[in-house]
């Protein structure tokens, strides 16, 4: 599987956020760290222009298919980052 850090846009299925009591134990990343890590992974996704240009060679997909999959991966990444989190109070 290709991960965003290696230049791909495939989802990271085996990694999910910790939730429940285990999430607040020592060694678990803080809420801010989880959000930062998710944003960093999202920021490393390829641009739409680069996906269009290299999708066939890199993934065997058309450019539009690669962009659609990348979009779905960004949404999934964001959902994993906020899973189990409450909206902060103002």
N, C-alpha and C. Protein backbone atom coordinates (compact mmCIF):
# COMPACT_ATOMS: atom_id res chain seq x y z
N UNK A 1 0.84 -1.17 0.00
CA UNK A 1 0.00 0.00 0.00
C UNK A 1 0.88 1.24 0.00
N UNK A 2 0.51 2.23 -0.77
CA UNK A 2 1.25 3.47 -0.85
C UNK A 2 0.72 4.42 0.21
N UNK A 3 1.60 5.04 0.97
CA UNK A 3 1.19 5.99 2.00
C UNK A 3 1.48 7.40 1.53
N UNK A 4 0.80 8.40 2.10
CA UNK A 4 1.06 9.77 1.70
C UNK A 4 2.52 10.18 1.83
N UNK A 5 3.21 9.70 2.83
CA UNK A 5 4.60 10.09 3.03
C UNK A 5 5.51 9.56 1.92
N UNK A 6 5.07 8.49 1.24
CA UNK A 6 5.88 7.97 0.14
C UNK A 6 5.43 8.54 -1.19
N UNK A 7 4.53 9.53 -1.15
CA UNK A 7 4.13 10.19 -2.38
C UNK A 7 2.80 9.73 -2.92
N UNK A 8 2.19 8.71 -2.34
CA UNK A 8 0.92 8.21 -2.83
C UNK A 8 -0.25 8.81 -2.10
N UNK A 9 -1.42 8.43 -2.50
CA UNK A 9 -2.63 8.96 -1.88
C UNK A 9 -3.54 7.85 -1.38
N UNK A 10 -3.00 6.67 -1.16
CA UNK A 10 -3.80 5.55 -0.67
C UNK A 10 -4.10 5.74 0.81
N UNK A 11 -5.26 5.28 1.25
CA UNK A 11 -5.59 5.43 2.67
C UNK A 11 -4.72 4.53 3.54
N UNK A 12 -4.58 4.93 4.76
CA UNK A 12 -3.83 4.12 5.73
C UNK A 12 -4.89 3.40 6.55
N UNK A 13 -5.26 2.20 6.11
CA UNK A 13 -6.38 1.50 6.70
C UNK A 13 -6.07 0.93 8.07
N UNK A 14 -4.84 0.52 8.29
CA UNK A 14 -4.52 -0.15 9.54
C UNK A 14 -4.30 0.82 10.69
N UNK A 15 -4.15 2.10 10.38
CA UNK A 15 -3.91 3.07 11.44
C UNK A 15 -5.19 3.84 11.72
N UNK A 16 -5.64 3.79 12.94
CA UNK A 16 -6.82 4.54 13.34
C UNK A 16 -6.54 5.25 14.64
N UNK A 17 -7.30 6.28 14.92
CA UNK A 17 -7.06 7.01 16.15
C UNK A 17 -7.46 6.20 17.38
N UNK A 18 -6.75 6.41 18.47
CA UNK A 18 -7.10 5.77 19.72
C UNK A 18 -8.31 6.49 20.32
N UNK A 19 -9.23 5.73 20.88
CA UNK A 19 -10.41 6.32 21.49
C UNK A 19 -10.64 5.71 22.86
N UNK A 20 -11.50 6.31 23.63
CA UNK A 20 -11.87 5.76 24.93
C UNK A 20 -10.82 6.02 25.98
N UNK A 21 -10.82 5.18 27.01
CA UNK A 21 -9.92 5.35 28.14
C UNK A 21 -8.46 5.24 27.71
N UNK A 22 -8.17 4.36 26.79
CA UNK A 22 -6.79 4.17 26.36
C UNK A 22 -6.22 5.43 25.71
N UNK A 23 -7.10 6.30 25.18
CA UNK A 23 -6.63 7.50 24.50
C UNK A 23 -6.02 8.51 25.46
N UNK A 24 -6.36 8.47 26.73
CA UNK A 24 -5.84 9.46 27.67
C UNK A 24 -4.69 8.92 28.50
N UNK A 25 -4.25 7.72 28.24
CA UNK A 25 -3.13 7.16 28.99
C UNK A 25 -1.82 7.70 28.44
N UNK A 26 -0.78 7.54 29.22
CA UNK A 26 0.55 8.01 28.80
C UNK A 26 0.96 7.30 27.52
N UNK A 27 1.61 8.04 26.66
CA UNK A 27 2.07 7.46 25.40
C UNK A 27 1.13 7.71 24.24
N UNK A 28 -0.11 8.07 24.52
CA UNK A 28 -1.04 8.38 23.45
C UNK A 28 -0.82 9.83 23.02
N UNK A 29 -0.94 10.09 21.71
CA UNK A 29 -0.75 11.48 21.27
C UNK A 29 -1.88 12.38 21.77
N UNK A 30 -1.55 13.62 22.02
CA UNK A 30 -2.57 14.58 22.45
C UNK A 30 -3.49 14.90 21.29
N UNK A 31 -4.60 15.53 21.62
CA UNK A 31 -5.57 15.94 20.61
C UNK A 31 -4.90 16.82 19.55
N UNK A 32 -4.12 17.80 20.01
CA UNK A 32 -3.45 18.70 19.07
C UNK A 32 -2.45 17.95 18.19
N UNK A 33 -1.75 16.98 18.79
CA UNK A 33 -0.78 16.20 18.02
C UNK A 33 -1.48 15.37 16.95
N UNK A 34 -2.61 14.77 17.27
CA UNK A 34 -3.37 13.99 16.28
C UNK A 34 -3.82 14.87 15.13
N UNK A 35 -4.32 16.08 15.45
CA UNK A 35 -4.76 16.99 14.40
C UNK A 35 -3.58 17.43 13.54
N UNK A 36 -2.47 17.77 14.19
CA UNK A 36 -1.28 18.20 13.46
C UNK A 36 -0.80 17.08 12.54
N UNK A 37 -0.73 15.86 13.06
CA UNK A 37 -0.26 14.73 12.26
C UNK A 37 -1.16 14.50 11.04
N UNK A 38 -2.48 14.60 11.24
CA UNK A 38 -3.43 14.42 10.13
C UNK A 38 -3.23 15.52 9.08
N UNK A 39 -3.08 16.76 9.53
CA UNK A 39 -2.87 17.86 8.58
C UNK A 39 -1.55 17.71 7.84
N UNK A 40 -0.54 17.25 8.53
CA UNK A 40 0.76 17.04 7.86
C UNK A 40 0.62 15.97 6.77
N UNK A 41 -0.05 14.84 7.09
CA UNK A 41 -0.24 13.79 6.07
C UNK A 41 -1.04 14.32 4.89
N UNK A 42 -2.10 15.07 5.16
CA UNK A 42 -2.92 15.62 4.09
C UNK A 42 -2.10 16.59 3.23
N UNK A 43 -1.26 17.39 3.85
CA UNK A 43 -0.46 18.37 3.11
C UNK A 43 0.56 17.71 2.19
N UNK A 44 0.88 16.46 2.43
CA UNK A 44 1.87 15.76 1.61
C UNK A 44 1.26 15.03 0.43
N UNK A 45 -0.05 15.11 0.24
CA UNK A 45 -0.68 14.50 -0.92
C UNK A 45 -0.26 15.25 -2.18
N UNK A 46 -0.25 14.57 -3.27
CA UNK A 46 0.14 15.19 -4.54
C UNK A 46 -0.91 16.19 -5.00
N UNK A 47 -0.47 17.18 -5.74
CA UNK A 47 -1.39 18.19 -6.28
C UNK A 47 -2.23 17.57 -7.41
N UNK A 48 -3.40 18.15 -7.70
CA UNK A 48 -4.22 17.62 -8.80
C UNK A 48 -3.48 17.61 -10.14
N UNK A 49 -2.67 18.63 -10.40
CA UNK A 49 -1.92 18.67 -11.65
C UNK A 49 -0.93 17.51 -11.74
N UNK A 50 -0.25 17.26 -10.64
CA UNK A 50 0.72 16.16 -10.62
C UNK A 50 0.03 14.81 -10.74
N UNK A 51 -1.13 14.67 -10.10
CA UNK A 51 -1.89 13.42 -10.22
C UNK A 51 -2.32 13.20 -11.67
N UNK A 52 -2.83 14.24 -12.31
CA UNK A 52 -3.26 14.11 -13.72
C UNK A 52 -2.08 13.68 -14.60
N UNK A 53 -0.94 14.29 -14.36
CA UNK A 53 0.23 14.05 -15.20
C UNK A 53 0.82 12.65 -14.99
N UNK A 54 0.85 12.17 -13.74
CA UNK A 54 1.58 10.93 -13.44
C UNK A 54 0.70 9.76 -13.01
N UNK A 55 -0.60 9.91 -12.97
CA UNK A 55 -1.47 8.87 -12.43
C UNK A 55 -1.36 7.55 -13.18
N UNK A 56 -1.31 7.61 -14.49
CA UNK A 56 -1.25 6.37 -15.26
C UNK A 56 0.05 5.62 -14.99
N UNK A 57 1.14 6.34 -14.95
CA UNK A 57 2.44 5.73 -14.70
C UNK A 57 2.59 5.25 -13.26
N UNK A 58 2.15 6.07 -12.29
CA UNK A 58 2.33 5.74 -10.88
C UNK A 58 1.34 4.71 -10.36
N UNK A 59 0.08 4.83 -10.78
CA UNK A 59 -0.99 4.01 -10.19
C UNK A 59 -1.77 3.17 -11.20
N UNK A 60 -1.58 3.40 -12.47
CA UNK A 60 -2.34 2.69 -13.48
C UNK A 60 -3.79 3.18 -13.55
N UNK A 61 -4.01 4.44 -13.20
CA UNK A 61 -5.34 5.04 -13.20
C UNK A 61 -5.35 6.27 -14.09
N UNK A 62 -6.55 6.67 -14.50
CA UNK A 62 -6.65 7.95 -15.20
C UNK A 62 -6.45 9.06 -14.17
N UNK A 63 -6.14 10.25 -14.65
CA UNK A 63 -5.93 11.37 -13.76
C UNK A 63 -7.15 11.69 -12.92
N UNK A 64 -8.32 11.64 -13.55
CA UNK A 64 -9.55 11.95 -12.82
C UNK A 64 -9.85 10.90 -11.75
N UNK A 65 -9.58 9.63 -12.04
CA UNK A 65 -9.78 8.59 -11.03
C UNK A 65 -8.84 8.80 -9.85
N UNK A 66 -7.60 9.16 -10.13
CA UNK A 66 -6.62 9.39 -9.07
C UNK A 66 -7.03 10.58 -8.20
N UNK A 67 -7.54 11.64 -8.84
CA UNK A 67 -7.98 12.82 -8.08
C UNK A 67 -9.18 12.46 -7.21
N UNK A 68 -10.11 11.68 -7.75
CA UNK A 68 -11.28 11.27 -6.97
C UNK A 68 -10.86 10.43 -5.77
N UNK A 69 -9.93 9.51 -5.97
CA UNK A 69 -9.46 8.68 -4.86
C UNK A 69 -8.70 9.51 -3.83
N UNK A 70 -7.91 10.47 -4.28
CA UNK A 70 -7.19 11.33 -3.35
C UNK A 70 -8.17 12.14 -2.51
N UNK A 71 -9.23 12.63 -3.14
CA UNK A 71 -10.25 13.39 -2.40
C UNK A 71 -10.88 12.51 -1.32
N UNK A 72 -11.23 11.28 -1.69
CA UNK A 72 -11.81 10.36 -0.71
C UNK A 72 -10.84 10.08 0.42
N UNK A 73 -9.55 9.99 0.12
CA UNK A 73 -8.54 9.75 1.15
C UNK A 73 -8.40 10.92 2.10
N UNK A 74 -8.49 12.14 1.57
CA UNK A 74 -8.42 13.33 2.42
C UNK A 74 -9.59 13.35 3.39
N UNK A 75 -10.79 13.05 2.89
CA UNK A 75 -11.97 13.01 3.75
C UNK A 75 -11.81 11.94 4.83
N UNK A 76 -11.34 10.77 4.44
CA UNK A 76 -11.15 9.68 5.42
C UNK A 76 -10.10 10.06 6.46
N UNK A 77 -9.04 10.71 6.04
CA UNK A 77 -7.98 11.14 6.96
C UNK A 77 -8.54 12.13 7.98
N UNK A 78 -9.34 13.08 7.52
CA UNK A 78 -9.94 14.07 8.43
C UNK A 78 -10.91 13.39 9.40
N UNK A 79 -11.70 12.46 8.91
CA UNK A 79 -12.64 11.75 9.79
C UNK A 79 -11.91 10.96 10.86
N UNK A 80 -10.79 10.32 10.48
CA UNK A 80 -10.00 9.58 11.49
C UNK A 80 -9.45 10.53 12.54
N UNK A 81 -9.06 11.72 12.14
CA UNK A 81 -8.47 12.69 13.08
C UNK A 81 -9.49 13.17 14.10
N UNK A 82 -10.75 13.32 13.70
CA UNK A 82 -11.74 13.87 14.63
C UNK A 82 -12.61 12.80 15.28
N UNK A 83 -12.42 11.55 14.91
CA UNK A 83 -13.23 10.47 15.47
C UNK A 83 -13.12 10.45 16.99
N UNK A 84 -14.25 10.47 17.65
CA UNK A 84 -14.28 10.40 19.11
C UNK A 84 -13.98 11.72 19.80
N UNK A 85 -13.80 12.79 19.05
CA UNK A 85 -13.47 14.08 19.63
C UNK A 85 -14.74 14.94 19.74
N UNK A 86 -14.82 15.71 20.79
CA UNK A 86 -15.92 16.66 20.94
C UNK A 86 -15.51 18.00 20.36
N UNK A 87 -16.51 18.75 19.94
CA UNK A 87 -16.25 20.09 19.42
C UNK A 87 -15.80 20.96 20.59
N UNK A 88 -14.70 21.72 20.40
CA UNK A 88 -14.23 22.56 21.50
C UNK A 88 -15.23 23.68 21.80
N UNK A 89 -15.29 24.06 23.07
CA UNK A 89 -16.17 25.16 23.48
C UNK A 89 -15.45 26.46 23.21
N UNK A 90 -16.23 27.49 22.92
CA UNK A 90 -15.65 28.81 22.65
C UNK A 90 -15.34 29.53 23.92
